[in-house]
Amino acid sequence: MSEQEIEKKKKMSMVVMSGDMDKLFGAFIIANGAAAMGTDVTMFFTFWGLRAIKKDVRTGTTFFGKMLGLMYGGDIMKANPSKFSFLGMGRWMFGKMMGNHNVAKLDELRDLAVTLGVKMYGCQMSMDVMEIPQSAFIDGVQDPVGVGFFIAEAEESGIQLFI
């Protein structure tokens, strides 16, 4: 195995496009596991995935932007499961079930990722379209980037994921 191949195995790049609770759990559990094992992890959040790094603040400057911010408002703790949402009851039910099994909450997993040095980036284009400013993100999120940045990261990674 070449030295370049060994280096690739130490880096993981992940696109997080979904804002669904179960998919965000998977994304942060994988990212935290990899980071804990010494892997350099980059997460690129785009469209609905931006919820994962957003504070619980309203966003939008235009009429459509404000409407989108209102309809999709909230932060990571407002994420519903991809199945069995039941108008928010699914989120509550899964929260109870996970708590009974000592599973960390989504915001705790995200905060752990920040602590472990996972690099989190918002997609500049998605932020522009959805009218979400950088100031709406939690501390620890890097400055926004474009898809070219992510592709360059992914080319250097031994693991690439799309969630």
N, C-alpha and C. Protein backbone atom coordinates (compact mmCIF):
# COMPACT_ATOMS: atom_id res chain seq x y z
N MET A 1 0.84 -1.17 0.00
CA MET A 1 0.00 0.00 0.00
C MET A 1 0.90 1.24 0.00
N SER A 2 0.59 2.18 -0.88
CA SER A 2 1.41 3.38 -1.01
C SER A 2 1.14 4.34 0.16
N GLU A 3 2.07 5.27 0.34
CA GLU A 3 1.93 6.27 1.39
C GLU A 3 0.69 7.14 1.15
N GLN A 4 0.39 7.43 -0.12
CA GLN A 4 -0.78 8.23 -0.46
C GLN A 4 -2.07 7.50 -0.07
N GLU A 5 -2.13 6.18 -0.28
CA GLU A 5 -3.31 5.42 0.09
C GLU A 5 -3.48 5.38 1.61
N ILE A 6 -2.40 5.30 2.35
CA ILE A 6 -2.47 5.31 3.81
C ILE A 6 -3.03 6.65 4.29
N GLU A 7 -2.59 7.75 3.68
CA GLU A 7 -3.08 9.08 4.04
C GLU A 7 -4.58 9.20 3.79
N LYS A 8 -5.07 8.66 2.68
CA LYS A 8 -6.49 8.74 2.35
C LYS A 8 -7.35 8.09 3.42
N LYS A 9 -6.89 7.06 4.04
CA LYS A 9 -7.68 6.34 5.03
C LYS A 9 -7.86 7.14 6.32
N LYS A 10 -7.13 8.24 6.46
CA LYS A 10 -7.21 9.03 7.67
C LYS A 10 -8.11 10.25 7.52
N LYS A 11 -8.85 10.33 6.43
CA LYS A 11 -9.69 11.49 6.18
C LYS A 11 -11.06 11.04 5.67
N MET A 12 -12.11 11.69 6.19
CA MET A 12 -13.47 11.38 5.77
C MET A 12 -14.18 12.68 5.42
N SER A 13 -14.93 12.67 4.32
CA SER A 13 -15.72 13.81 3.89
C SER A 13 -17.17 13.38 3.75
N MET A 14 -18.09 14.21 4.26
CA MET A 14 -19.49 13.85 4.29
C MET A 14 -20.37 15.02 3.85
N VAL A 15 -21.26 14.77 2.91
CA VAL A 15 -22.30 15.73 2.55
C VAL A 15 -23.52 15.40 3.41
N VAL A 16 -24.05 16.39 4.10
CA VAL A 16 -25.27 16.20 4.88
C VAL A 16 -26.35 17.08 4.25
N MET A 17 -27.22 16.43 3.48
CA MET A 17 -28.27 17.15 2.76
C MET A 17 -29.61 17.02 3.46
N SER A 18 -29.76 16.00 4.27
CA SER A 18 -31.03 15.76 4.95
C SER A 18 -31.06 16.46 6.31
N GLY A 19 -32.23 16.93 6.67
CA GLY A 19 -32.45 17.49 8.00
C GLY A 19 -33.30 16.56 8.85
N ASP A 20 -33.47 15.31 8.40
CA ASP A 20 -34.26 14.34 9.15
C ASP A 20 -33.51 13.86 10.38
N MET A 21 -34.22 13.71 11.47
CA MET A 21 -33.65 13.32 12.75
C MET A 21 -32.78 12.06 12.65
N ASP A 22 -33.31 11.00 12.08
CA ASP A 22 -32.58 9.74 12.03
C ASP A 22 -31.32 9.85 11.18
N LYS A 23 -31.39 10.61 10.10
CA LYS A 23 -30.23 10.77 9.24
C LYS A 23 -29.17 11.64 9.90
N LEU A 24 -29.61 12.65 10.66
CA LEU A 24 -28.65 13.48 11.39
C LEU A 24 -27.99 12.68 12.50
N PHE A 25 -28.75 11.82 13.18
CA PHE A 25 -28.15 10.93 14.17
C PHE A 25 -27.04 10.11 13.53
N GLY A 26 -27.35 9.49 12.40
CA GLY A 26 -26.35 8.68 11.71
C GLY A 26 -25.13 9.48 11.32
N ALA A 27 -25.35 10.68 10.78
CA ALA A 27 -24.23 11.52 10.34
C ALA A 27 -23.31 11.87 11.51
N PHE A 28 -23.88 12.29 12.63
CA PHE A 28 -23.04 12.70 13.76
C PHE A 28 -22.43 11.52 14.49
N ILE A 29 -23.11 10.40 14.54
CA ILE A 29 -22.51 9.21 15.18
C ILE A 29 -21.31 8.74 14.37
N ILE A 30 -21.45 8.70 13.04
CA ILE A 30 -20.33 8.29 12.18
C ILE A 30 -19.19 9.30 12.28
N ALA A 31 -19.51 10.59 12.21
CA ALA A 31 -18.48 11.63 12.29
C ALA A 31 -17.73 11.57 13.62
N ASN A 32 -18.47 11.43 14.71
CA ASN A 32 -17.83 11.37 16.03
C ASN A 32 -16.99 10.11 16.20
N GLY A 33 -17.49 8.99 15.71
CA GLY A 33 -16.72 7.75 15.79
C GLY A 33 -15.42 7.86 15.02
N ALA A 34 -15.49 8.41 13.82
CA ALA A 34 -14.28 8.57 13.00
C ALA A 34 -13.31 9.55 13.66
N ALA A 35 -13.82 10.68 14.15
CA ALA A 35 -12.95 11.67 14.79
C ALA A 35 -12.29 11.09 16.04
N ALA A 36 -13.05 10.31 16.81
CA ALA A 36 -12.49 9.68 18.01
C ALA A 36 -11.39 8.69 17.67
N MET A 37 -11.41 8.15 16.45
CA MET A 37 -10.39 7.20 16.01
C MET A 37 -9.23 7.90 15.31
N GLY A 38 -9.23 9.24 15.34
CA GLY A 38 -8.12 9.99 14.77
C GLY A 38 -8.28 10.38 13.31
N THR A 39 -9.47 10.21 12.77
CA THR A 39 -9.72 10.57 11.38
C THR A 39 -10.07 12.05 11.29
N ASP A 40 -9.55 12.73 10.28
CA ASP A 40 -9.88 14.12 9.99
C ASP A 40 -11.23 14.12 9.28
N VAL A 41 -12.25 14.74 9.90
CA VAL A 41 -13.62 14.67 9.38
C VAL A 41 -14.08 16.06 8.92
N THR A 42 -14.61 16.11 7.70
CA THR A 42 -15.22 17.31 7.15
C THR A 42 -16.67 17.01 6.84
N MET A 43 -17.57 17.85 7.37
CA MET A 43 -19.00 17.73 7.09
C MET A 43 -19.44 18.97 6.32
N PHE A 44 -20.11 18.76 5.19
CA PHE A 44 -20.58 19.82 4.31
C PHE A 44 -22.10 19.80 4.34
N PHE A 45 -22.72 20.80 4.97
CA PHE A 45 -24.17 20.84 5.15
C PHE A 45 -24.80 21.68 4.05
N THR A 46 -25.79 21.10 3.38
CA THR A 46 -26.44 21.79 2.29
C THR A 46 -27.96 21.64 2.40
N PHE A 47 -28.70 22.58 1.87
CA PHE A 47 -30.16 22.64 1.91
C PHE A 47 -30.71 22.24 3.27
N TRP A 48 -31.56 21.21 3.35
CA TRP A 48 -32.23 20.89 4.62
C TRP A 48 -31.24 20.48 5.71
N GLY A 49 -30.08 20.02 5.33
CA GLY A 49 -29.06 19.65 6.31
C GLY A 49 -28.54 20.83 7.12
N LEU A 50 -28.73 22.06 6.60
CA LEU A 50 -28.27 23.25 7.32
C LEU A 50 -28.91 23.36 8.70
N ARG A 51 -30.08 22.76 8.88
CA ARG A 51 -30.74 22.80 10.19
C ARG A 51 -29.82 22.26 11.29
N ALA A 52 -29.00 21.30 10.95
CA ALA A 52 -28.14 20.65 11.94
C ALA A 52 -27.13 21.60 12.58
N ILE A 53 -26.75 22.66 11.88
CA ILE A 53 -25.74 23.58 12.41
C ILE A 53 -26.33 24.95 12.74
N LYS A 54 -27.64 25.07 12.63
CA LYS A 54 -28.32 26.34 12.84
C LYS A 54 -28.77 26.51 14.29
N LYS A 55 -28.72 27.75 14.76
CA LYS A 55 -29.30 28.10 16.05
C LYS A 55 -30.82 28.17 15.89
N ASP A 56 -31.54 28.23 16.98
CA ASP A 56 -32.99 28.36 16.94
C ASP A 56 -33.35 29.84 16.76
N VAL A 57 -33.10 30.34 15.55
CA VAL A 57 -33.39 31.74 15.21
C VAL A 57 -34.14 31.78 13.89
N ARG A 58 -34.93 32.82 13.72
CA ARG A 58 -35.63 33.01 12.45
C ARG A 58 -34.65 33.58 11.43
N THR A 59 -34.85 33.19 10.19
CA THR A 59 -33.98 33.66 9.12
C THR A 59 -34.83 34.19 7.97
N GLY A 60 -34.17 34.80 7.02
CA GLY A 60 -34.83 35.32 5.83
C GLY A 60 -34.89 36.83 5.84
N THR A 61 -34.70 37.41 4.67
CA THR A 61 -34.79 38.86 4.53
C THR A 61 -35.90 39.25 3.57
N THR A 62 -36.18 38.43 2.57
CA THR A 62 -37.26 38.71 1.64
C THR A 62 -38.53 38.00 2.12
N PHE A 63 -39.64 38.27 1.45
CA PHE A 63 -40.90 37.62 1.82
C PHE A 63 -40.77 36.10 1.77
N PHE A 64 -40.24 35.57 0.65
CA PHE A 64 -40.09 34.12 0.51
C PHE A 64 -39.09 33.55 1.51
N GLY A 65 -38.01 34.28 1.74
CA GLY A 65 -37.02 33.83 2.70
C GLY A 65 -37.57 33.76 4.11
N LYS A 66 -38.36 34.77 4.48
CA LYS A 66 -38.99 34.77 5.81
C LYS A 66 -40.02 33.66 5.94
N MET A 67 -40.77 33.42 4.87
CA MET A 67 -41.75 32.33 4.89
C MET A 67 -41.05 30.98 5.07
N LEU A 68 -39.97 30.78 4.33
CA LEU A 68 -39.21 29.53 4.46
C LEU A 68 -38.64 29.41 5.88
N GLY A 69 -38.09 30.50 6.40
CA GLY A 69 -37.56 30.48 7.76
C GLY A 69 -38.62 30.16 8.79
N LEU A 70 -39.84 30.63 8.57
CA LEU A 70 -40.95 30.36 9.48
C LEU A 70 -41.42 28.92 9.36
N MET A 71 -41.62 28.44 8.12
CA MET A 71 -42.13 27.08 7.90
C MET A 71 -41.12 26.02 8.32
N TYR A 72 -39.84 26.27 8.07
CA TYR A 72 -38.81 25.27 8.38
C TYR A 72 -38.00 25.69 9.60
N GLY A 73 -38.51 26.64 10.33
CA GLY A 73 -37.79 27.21 11.46
C GLY A 73 -37.33 26.20 12.48
N GLY A 74 -36.50 26.68 13.36
CA GLY A 74 -36.00 25.84 14.42
C GLY A 74 -34.59 25.35 14.15
N ASP A 75 -34.09 24.65 15.13
CA ASP A 75 -32.73 24.14 15.06
C ASP A 75 -32.75 22.62 14.99
N ILE A 76 -31.65 22.02 15.35
CA ILE A 76 -31.50 20.57 15.25
C ILE A 76 -32.54 19.81 16.10
N MET A 77 -32.98 20.43 17.18
CA MET A 77 -33.94 19.76 18.05
C MET A 77 -35.36 19.75 17.48
N LYS A 78 -35.59 20.43 16.37
CA LYS A 78 -36.88 20.41 15.69
C LYS A 78 -36.91 19.38 14.55
N ALA A 79 -35.81 18.67 14.37
CA ALA A 79 -35.75 17.67 13.30
C ALA A 79 -36.70 16.51 13.61
N ASN A 80 -37.49 16.15 12.62
CA ASN A 80 -38.41 15.03 12.74
C ASN A 80 -37.82 13.78 12.10
N PRO A 81 -38.25 12.60 12.55
CA PRO A 81 -37.80 11.37 11.89
C PRO A 81 -38.30 11.33 10.45
N SER A 82 -37.56 10.65 9.59
CA SER A 82 -37.95 10.56 8.18
C SER A 82 -39.22 9.73 8.00
N LYS A 83 -39.51 8.87 8.93
CA LYS A 83 -40.74 8.06 8.93
C LYS A 83 -41.41 8.23 10.29
N PHE A 84 -42.71 8.14 10.33
CA PHE A 84 -43.49 8.18 11.57
C PHE A 84 -43.33 9.49 12.35
N SER A 85 -43.41 10.61 11.64
CA SER A 85 -43.31 11.90 12.31
C SER A 85 -44.54 12.20 13.15
N PHE A 86 -45.71 11.87 12.67
CA PHE A 86 -46.96 12.07 13.40
C PHE A 86 -47.10 13.50 13.93
N LEU A 87 -46.80 14.49 13.08
CA LEU A 87 -46.92 15.91 13.44
C LEU A 87 -46.10 16.28 14.68
N GLY A 88 -44.93 15.71 14.80
CA GLY A 88 -44.04 16.02 15.92
C GLY A 88 -44.05 14.97 17.02
N MET A 89 -45.07 14.13 17.05
CA MET A 89 -45.13 13.08 18.08
C MET A 89 -44.00 12.07 17.90
N GLY A 90 -43.62 11.81 16.67
CA GLY A 90 -42.54 10.86 16.41
C GLY A 90 -41.23 11.33 17.02
N ARG A 91 -40.95 12.64 16.90
CA ARG A 91 -39.74 13.20 17.50
C ARG A 91 -39.76 12.99 19.01
N TRP A 92 -40.90 13.26 19.64
CA TRP A 92 -41.04 13.08 21.08
C TRP A 92 -40.88 11.61 21.47
N MET A 93 -41.56 10.73 20.72
CA MET A 93 -41.51 9.30 21.01
C MET A 93 -40.09 8.75 20.89
N PHE A 94 -39.42 9.09 19.77
CA PHE A 94 -38.04 8.61 19.60
C PHE A 94 -37.13 9.20 20.67
N GLY A 95 -37.37 10.46 21.03
CA GLY A 95 -36.58 11.08 22.09
C GLY A 95 -36.69 10.31 23.40
N LYS A 96 -37.92 9.92 23.75
CA LYS A 96 -38.15 9.13 24.96
C LYS A 96 -37.46 7.77 24.87
N MET A 97 -37.63 7.10 23.74
CA MET A 97 -37.04 5.77 23.57
C MET A 97 -35.51 5.83 23.62
N MET A 98 -34.93 6.84 22.99
CA MET A 98 -33.47 6.98 22.99
C MET A 98 -32.97 7.33 24.39
N GLY A 99 -33.72 8.20 25.09
CA GLY A 99 -33.35 8.55 26.46
C GLY A 99 -33.35 7.33 27.38
N ASN A 100 -34.32 6.44 27.17
CA ASN A 100 -34.40 5.21 27.97
C ASN A 100 -33.20 4.30 27.74
N HIS A 101 -32.52 4.48 26.62
CA HIS A 101 -31.36 3.67 26.29
C HIS A 101 -30.06 4.48 26.38
N ASN A 102 -30.13 5.62 27.05
CA ASN A 102 -28.96 6.48 27.27
C ASN A 102 -28.27 6.91 25.97
N VAL A 103 -29.05 7.16 24.93
CA VAL A 103 -28.52 7.67 23.67
C VAL A 103 -28.48 9.19 23.77
N ALA A 104 -27.36 9.78 23.41
CA ALA A 104 -27.21 11.23 23.47
C ALA A 104 -28.22 11.90 22.54
N LYS A 105 -28.61 13.12 22.89
CA LYS A 105 -29.51 13.92 22.05
C LYS A 105 -28.72 14.46 20.86
N LEU A 106 -29.46 14.85 19.83
CA LEU A 106 -28.82 15.36 18.62
C LEU A 106 -27.90 16.55 18.89
N ASP A 107 -28.36 17.49 19.70
CA ASP A 107 -27.51 18.66 19.97
C ASP A 107 -26.25 18.27 20.74
N GLU A 108 -26.34 17.25 21.58
CA GLU A 108 -25.17 16.76 22.30
C GLU A 108 -24.17 16.11 21.35
N LEU A 109 -24.68 15.34 20.39
CA LEU A 109 -23.79 14.72 19.40
C LEU A 109 -23.12 15.77 18.53
N ARG A 110 -23.88 16.81 18.16
CA ARG A 110 -23.30 17.90 17.36
C ARG A 110 -22.23 18.64 18.16
N ASP A 111 -22.51 18.91 19.43
CA ASP A 111 -21.53 19.60 20.28
C ASP A 111 -20.27 18.75 20.48
N LEU A 112 -20.45 17.45 20.60
CA LEU A 112 -19.31 16.55 20.72
C LEU A 112 -18.46 16.61 19.45
N ALA A 113 -19.11 16.69 18.29
CA ALA A 113 -18.38 16.80 17.03
C ALA A 113 -17.52 18.05 17.01
N VAL A 114 -18.06 19.16 17.50
CA VAL A 114 -17.27 20.40 17.59
C VAL A 114 -16.08 20.18 18.50
N THR A 115 -16.32 19.57 19.66
CA THR A 115 -15.25 19.31 20.63
C THR A 115 -14.17 18.40 20.05
N LEU A 116 -14.57 17.41 19.24
CA LEU A 116 -13.62 16.47 18.65
C LEU A 116 -12.89 17.04 17.44
N GLY A 117 -13.24 18.26 17.04
CA GLY A 117 -12.54 18.91 15.93
C GLY A 117 -13.10 18.60 14.55
N VAL A 118 -14.32 18.08 14.49
CA VAL A 118 -14.96 17.85 13.19
C VAL A 118 -15.17 19.22 12.55
N LYS A 119 -14.74 19.34 11.29
CA LYS A 119 -14.90 20.61 10.59
C LYS A 119 -16.26 20.61 9.89
N MET A 120 -17.08 21.60 10.26
CA MET A 120 -18.43 21.71 9.71
C MET A 120 -18.53 22.97 8.88
N TYR A 121 -19.05 22.82 7.66
CA TYR A 121 -19.17 23.92 6.72
C TYR A 121 -20.59 23.99 6.20
N GLY A 122 -21.11 25.20 6.09
CA GLY A 122 -22.38 25.42 5.40
C GLY A 122 -22.11 25.65 3.92
N CYS A 123 -23.01 25.20 3.08
CA CYS A 123 -22.92 25.42 1.64
C CYS A 123 -23.35 26.86 1.34
N GLN A 124 -22.45 27.64 0.78
CA GLN A 124 -22.74 29.05 0.52
C GLN A 124 -23.95 29.22 -0.38
N MET A 125 -24.07 28.42 -1.43
CA MET A 125 -25.20 28.56 -2.35
C MET A 125 -26.53 28.29 -1.63
N SER A 126 -26.59 27.22 -0.85
CA SER A 126 -27.81 26.89 -0.11
C SER A 126 -28.15 27.99 0.89
N MET A 127 -27.13 28.50 1.55
CA MET A 127 -27.35 29.58 2.51
C MET A 127 -27.92 30.81 1.81
N ASP A 128 -27.40 31.13 0.64
CA ASP A 128 -27.89 32.28 -0.12
C ASP A 128 -29.35 32.07 -0.54
N VAL A 129 -29.65 30.91 -1.12
CA VAL A 129 -30.99 30.61 -1.59
C VAL A 129 -31.99 30.62 -0.44
N MET A 130 -31.62 30.01 0.68
CA MET A 130 -32.53 29.88 1.83
C MET A 130 -32.46 31.09 2.77
N GLU A 131 -31.59 32.05 2.43
CA GLU A 131 -31.43 33.29 3.21
C GLU A 131 -31.08 33.01 4.67
N ILE A 132 -30.07 32.16 4.84
CA ILE A 132 -29.57 31.83 6.18
C ILE A 132 -28.17 32.43 6.30
N PRO A 133 -27.98 33.43 7.14
CA PRO A 133 -26.65 34.03 7.28
C PRO A 133 -25.74 33.18 8.18
N GLN A 134 -24.44 33.37 8.06
CA GLN A 134 -23.47 32.66 8.89
C GLN A 134 -23.75 32.89 10.37
N SER A 135 -24.24 34.06 10.72
CA SER A 135 -24.52 34.39 12.13
C SER A 135 -25.62 33.51 12.73
N ALA A 136 -26.39 32.82 11.89
CA ALA A 136 -27.46 31.94 12.38
C ALA A 136 -26.93 30.57 12.80
N PHE A 137 -25.63 30.33 12.62
CA PHE A 137 -25.05 29.03 12.95
C PHE A 137 -24.45 29.02 14.35
N ILE A 138 -24.34 27.83 14.91
CA ILE A 138 -23.72 27.65 16.22
C ILE A 138 -22.24 27.99 16.15
N ASP A 139 -21.65 28.21 17.31
CA ASP A 139 -20.21 28.41 17.37
C ASP A 139 -19.51 27.13 16.96
N GLY A 140 -18.40 27.27 16.26
CA GLY A 140 -17.63 26.11 15.82
C GLY A 140 -17.83 25.77 14.36
N VAL A 141 -18.82 26.40 13.71
CA VAL A 141 -19.04 26.18 12.28
C VAL A 141 -18.07 27.07 11.51
N GLN A 142 -17.40 26.49 10.53
CA GLN A 142 -16.43 27.23 9.72
C GLN A 142 -17.16 28.21 8.80
N ASP A 143 -16.40 29.11 8.17
CA ASP A 143 -16.98 30.01 7.18
C ASP A 143 -17.55 29.18 6.03
N PRO A 144 -18.64 29.66 5.40
CA PRO A 144 -19.27 28.89 4.32
C PRO A 144 -18.34 28.69 3.13
N VAL A 145 -18.59 27.59 2.44
CA VAL A 145 -17.78 27.23 1.27
C VAL A 145 -18.69 26.79 0.13
N GLY A 146 -18.10 26.64 -1.04
CA GLY A 146 -18.82 26.15 -2.20
C GLY A 146 -18.53 24.69 -2.45
N VAL A 147 -19.19 24.14 -3.44
CA VAL A 147 -19.06 22.73 -3.76
C VAL A 147 -17.63 22.38 -4.18
N GLY A 148 -16.93 23.31 -4.82
CA GLY A 148 -15.54 23.05 -5.23
C GLY A 148 -14.65 22.72 -4.03
N PHE A 149 -14.86 23.43 -2.93
CA PHE A 149 -14.10 23.15 -1.71
C PHE A 149 -14.37 21.74 -1.23
N PHE A 150 -15.66 21.36 -1.21
CA PHE A 150 -16.00 20.02 -0.74
C PHE A 150 -15.41 18.95 -1.65
N ILE A 151 -15.49 19.15 -2.94
CA ILE A 151 -14.95 18.16 -3.88
C ILE A 151 -13.45 17.99 -3.67
N ALA A 152 -12.74 19.08 -3.46
CA ALA A 152 -11.29 18.99 -3.19
C ALA A 152 -11.03 18.19 -1.90
N GLU A 153 -11.87 18.41 -0.87
CA GLU A 153 -11.74 17.65 0.38
C GLU A 153 -12.01 16.16 0.12
N ALA A 154 -13.08 15.89 -0.62
CA ALA A 154 -13.48 14.50 -0.88
C ALA A 154 -12.42 13.75 -1.69
N GLU A 155 -11.76 14.46 -2.62
CA GLU A 155 -10.71 13.82 -3.42
C GLU A 155 -9.56 13.33 -2.56
N GLU A 156 -9.34 13.99 -1.44
CA GLU A 156 -8.24 13.62 -0.55
C GLU A 156 -8.67 12.61 0.52
N SER A 157 -9.93 12.23 0.52
CA SER A 157 -10.47 11.39 1.58
C SER A 157 -10.56 9.93 1.18
N GLY A 158 -10.31 9.08 2.14
CA GLY A 158 -10.47 7.65 1.93
C GLY A 158 -11.92 7.23 2.07
N ILE A 159 -12.73 8.05 2.74
CA ILE A 159 -14.14 7.76 2.94
C ILE A 159 -14.95 8.99 2.54
N GLN A 160 -15.95 8.77 1.67
CA GLN A 160 -16.87 9.84 1.29
C GLN A 160 -18.29 9.32 1.52
N LEU A 161 -19.10 10.15 2.18
CA LEU A 161 -20.48 9.75 2.48
C LEU A 161 -21.44 10.85 2.06
N PHE A 162 -22.67 10.44 1.72
CA PHE A 162 -23.72 11.37 1.35
C PHE A 162 -24.95 10.98 2.17
N ILE A 163 -25.37 11.88 3.06
CA ILE A 163 -26.49 11.57 3.96
C ILE A 163 -27.59 12.60 3.78
